[in-house]
Protein backbone atom coordinates (compact mmCIF):
# COMPACT_ATOMS: atom_id res chain seq x y z
CA UNK A 1 6.97 -4.09 -3.98
CA UNK A 2 6.23 -6.31 -6.98
CA UNK A 3 7.45 -9.14 -4.81
CA UNK A 4 5.01 -8.02 -2.12
CA UNK A 5 2.16 -8.26 -4.53
CA UNK A 6 3.13 -11.68 -5.79
CA UNK A 7 3.46 -12.90 -2.20
CA UNK A 8 -0.03 -11.64 -1.64
CA UNK A 9 -1.28 -13.42 -4.75
CA UNK A 10 0.31 -16.63 -3.51
CA UNK A 11 -1.34 -16.18 -0.14
CA UNK A 12 -4.66 -15.69 -1.85
CA UNK A 13 -4.21 -18.75 -4.01
CA UNK A 14 -3.31 -20.86 -1.00
CA UNK A 15 -6.37 -19.55 0.73
CA UNK A 16 -8.51 -20.53 -2.22
CA UNK A 17 -7.07 -24.04 -2.28
CA UNK A 18 -7.92 -24.34 1.38
CA UNK A 19 -11.34 -23.00 0.57
CA UNK A 20 -12.25 -25.76 -1.81
CA UNK A 21 -12.17 -28.24 1.04
CA UNK A 22 -14.40 -25.99 3.09
CA UNK A 23 -18.13 -25.63 2.98
CA UNK A 24 -18.55 -22.24 4.66
CA UNK A 25 -18.91 -20.48 1.33
CA UNK A 26 -20.43 -17.28 2.69
CA UNK A 27 -17.68 -16.37 5.07
CA UNK A 28 -15.03 -17.32 2.60
CA UNK A 29 -16.59 -15.13 -0.02
CA UNK A 30 -16.25 -12.28 2.43
CA UNK A 31 -12.69 -13.14 3.25
CA UNK A 32 -11.77 -13.38 -0.40
CA UNK A 33 -13.30 -9.94 -0.87
CA UNK A 34 -11.20 -8.51 1.96
CA UNK A 35 -8.08 -10.09 0.48
CA UNK A 36 -8.90 -8.55 -2.89
CA UNK A 37 -9.44 -5.19 -1.25
CA UNK A 38 -6.11 -5.46 0.49
CA UNK A 39 -4.39 -6.40 -2.77
CA UNK A 40 -6.01 -3.42 -4.44
CA UNK A 41 -4.94 -1.11 -1.61
CA UNK A 42 -1.37 -2.35 -1.91
CA UNK A 43 -1.37 -1.85 -5.67
CA UNK A 44 -2.66 1.67 -5.32
CA UNK A 45 -0.19 2.50 -2.57
CA UNK A 46 2.53 1.21 -4.89
CA UNK A 47 1.25 3.41 -7.73
CA UNK A 48 1.22 6.39 -5.47
CA UNK A 49 4.76 5.66 -4.45
CA UNK A 50 5.82 5.44 -8.10
CA UNK A 51 4.21 8.78 -8.85
CA UNK A 52 5.86 10.40 -5.85
CA UNK A 53 9.17 8.94 -6.96
CA UNK A 54 8.79 10.29 -10.49
CA UNK A 55 7.98 13.76 -9.19
CA UNK A 56 10.97 13.68 -6.86
CA UNK A 57 13.19 12.67 -9.78
CA UNK A 58 11.87 15.54 -11.88
CA UNK A 59 12.65 17.85 -9.02
CA UNK A 60 16.22 16.51 -8.77
CA UNK A 61 16.71 16.92 -12.50
CA UNK A 62 15.26 20.39 -12.35
CA UNK A 63 17.78 21.39 -9.73
CA UNK A 64 20.67 20.04 -11.75
CA UNK A 65 19.35 21.88 -14.75
CA UNK A 66 19.31 25.19 -12.95
CA UNK A 67 23.00 24.80 -12.16
CA UNK A 68 24.09 23.86 -15.63
CA UNK A 69 21.70 25.97 -17.64
CA UNK A 70 24.29 27.86 -19.69
CA UNK A 71 26.00 24.73 -20.98
CA UNK A 72 22.77 22.88 -21.63
CA UNK A 73 21.03 25.61 -23.54
CA UNK A 74 18.32 23.82 -25.47
CA UNK A 75 17.64 20.94 -23.12
CA UNK A 76 14.91 22.82 -21.29
CA UNK A 77 12.39 21.48 -23.79
CA UNK A 78 12.10 18.07 -22.18
CA UNK A 79 8.85 19.22 -20.70
CA UNK A 80 10.50 19.93 -17.39
CA UNK A 81 7.96 20.64 -14.69
CA UNK A 82 8.57 23.76 -12.68
CA UNK A 83 9.10 23.50 -8.94
CA UNK A 84 5.53 24.86 -8.51
CA UNK A 85 4.11 22.18 -10.82
CA UNK A 86 5.92 19.48 -8.90
CA UNK A 87 4.81 20.85 -5.54
CA UNK A 88 1.24 21.06 -6.78
CA UNK A 89 1.35 17.52 -8.17
CA UNK A 90 2.68 16.23 -4.85
CA UNK A 91 -0.04 18.06 -2.96
CA UNK A 92 -2.60 16.57 -5.34
CA UNK A 93 -1.39 13.13 -4.33
CA UNK A 94 -2.21 13.94 -0.72
CA UNK A 95 -5.90 13.47 -1.41
CA UNK A 96 -5.37 10.04 -2.92
CA UNK A 97 -3.15 9.07 -0.02
CA UNK A 98 -5.84 10.17 2.42
CA UNK A 99 -8.39 8.13 0.54
CA UNK A 100 -6.21 5.03 0.81
CA UNK A 101 -5.90 5.64 4.53
CA UNK A 102 -9.65 5.84 5.03
CA UNK A 103 -10.23 2.76 2.88
CA UNK A 104 -7.76 0.88 5.03
CA UNK A 105 -9.75 2.04 8.07
CA UNK A 106 -12.88 0.65 6.47
CA UNK A 107 -11.15 -2.64 5.69
CA UNK A 108 -10.14 -2.93 9.34
CA UNK A 109 -13.73 -2.34 10.45
CA UNK A 110 -15.00 -4.97 8.01
CA UNK A 111 -12.46 -7.46 9.30
CA UNK A 112 -13.48 -6.84 12.88
CA UNK A 113 -17.07 -7.41 11.80
CA UNK A 114 -15.98 -10.83 10.55
CA UNK A 115 -14.30 -11.59 13.85
CA UNK A 116 -10.76 -10.99 12.62
CA UNK A 117 -8.50 -8.72 14.64
CA UNK A 118 -6.66 -6.39 12.29
CA UNK A 119 -3.01 -6.87 13.23
CA UNK A 120 -0.72 -4.06 14.31
CA UNK A 121 0.61 -4.08 10.73
CA UNK A 122 -2.60 -2.46 9.52
CA UNK A 123 -2.53 0.08 12.34
CA UNK A 124 1.06 0.93 11.45
CA UNK A 125 0.18 1.15 7.76
CA UNK A 126 -2.60 3.60 8.56
CA UNK A 127 -0.19 5.73 10.56
CA UNK A 128 2.43 5.71 7.82
CA UNK A 129 -0.21 6.60 5.24
CA UNK A 130 -1.27 9.54 7.38
CA UNK A 131 2.32 10.72 7.68
CA UNK A 132 2.89 10.30 3.96
CA UNK A 133 -0.23 12.35 3.35
CA UNK A 134 1.15 15.15 5.54
CA UNK A 135 4.50 15.08 3.75
CA UNK A 136 2.76 15.21 0.39
CA UNK A 137 0.72 18.14 1.65
CA UNK A 138 4.02 19.90 2.34
CA UNK A 139 5.28 18.83 -1.10
CA UNK A 140 8.05 16.83 0.59
CA UNK A 141 8.20 13.91 -1.80
CA UNK A 142 11.43 12.55 -0.41
CA UNK A 143 9.99 12.12 3.04
CA UNK A 144 6.68 10.84 1.68
CA UNK A 145 8.51 8.07 -0.21
CA UNK A 146 9.94 6.60 2.96
CA UNK A 147 6.56 6.73 4.64
CA UNK A 148 4.80 5.16 1.66
CA UNK A 149 7.34 2.38 1.66
CA UNK A 150 6.75 1.82 5.40
CA UNK A 151 3.01 1.73 4.73
CA UNK A 152 3.47 -0.97 2.07
CA UNK A 153 5.62 -3.08 4.39
CA UNK A 154 3.12 -2.72 7.17
CA UNK A 155 0.25 -3.62 4.83
CA UNK A 156 2.09 -6.79 3.93
CA UNK A 157 2.62 -7.67 7.58
CA UNK A 158 -1.03 -6.95 8.29
CA UNK A 159 -2.01 -9.12 5.34
CA UNK A 160 0.06 -12.06 6.53
CA UNK A 161 -1.44 -11.71 9.97
CA UNK A 162 -4.93 -11.59 8.50
CA UNK A 163 -4.22 -14.74 6.45
CA UNK A 164 -3.05 -16.59 9.54
CA UNK A 165 -6.21 -15.72 11.39
CA UNK A 166 -8.39 -16.65 8.44
CA UNK A 167 -6.71 -20.00 8.12
CA UNK A 168 -7.09 -20.65 11.82
CA UNK A 169 -10.72 -19.64 11.57
CA UNK A 170 -11.23 -22.21 8.89
CA UNK A 171 -9.84 -24.87 11.15
CA UNK A 172 -6.66 -25.35 9.18
CA UNK A 173 -4.44 -25.18 12.22
CA UNK A 174 -4.93 -28.92 12.61
CA UNK A 175 -3.17 -29.48 9.31
CA UNK A 176 -0.15 -27.37 10.22
CA UNK A 177 0.34 -29.19 13.50
CA UNK A 178 -0.09 -26.12 15.67
CA UNK A 179 -3.48 -27.04 16.98
CA UNK A 180 -2.71 -25.64 20.40
CA UNK A 181 -4.67 -22.40 20.09
């Protein structure tokens, strides 16, 4: 996912380089904003995934601990979270996941307002976020992790698609030699 983010940064930087040759400041300002929002969404989805992962790990450790309690004796002091704590923490993440989903929805609306069709990547990301939210609501961190990871992938695809359209909008297709659109 780090790689995702750095790809996104690169895309943004390329966009900015293209921007310096362009005079349509206003629209570019908007596009840059949308790119930043997307980057921020991806970062927060990544954070959420990390938190889910940590909770799942705690749960795994907790289970192992229950089996080997007699031998381990004093190890229970590592601040182990109880199963209820973990379930509650996972459910708490559901709200954040829902918020990300609605912010993505808003981003898609804003893009449409700028004449950019949000690619199916964004639609898929929204769906995966919704599913991850449900899984979190059921305190199923394992399942949520897969869905969060799908959401990140889909966000990246959507982002690449968005970049392509932005570049075409700015008349850069002439430079890439695919001026047939």
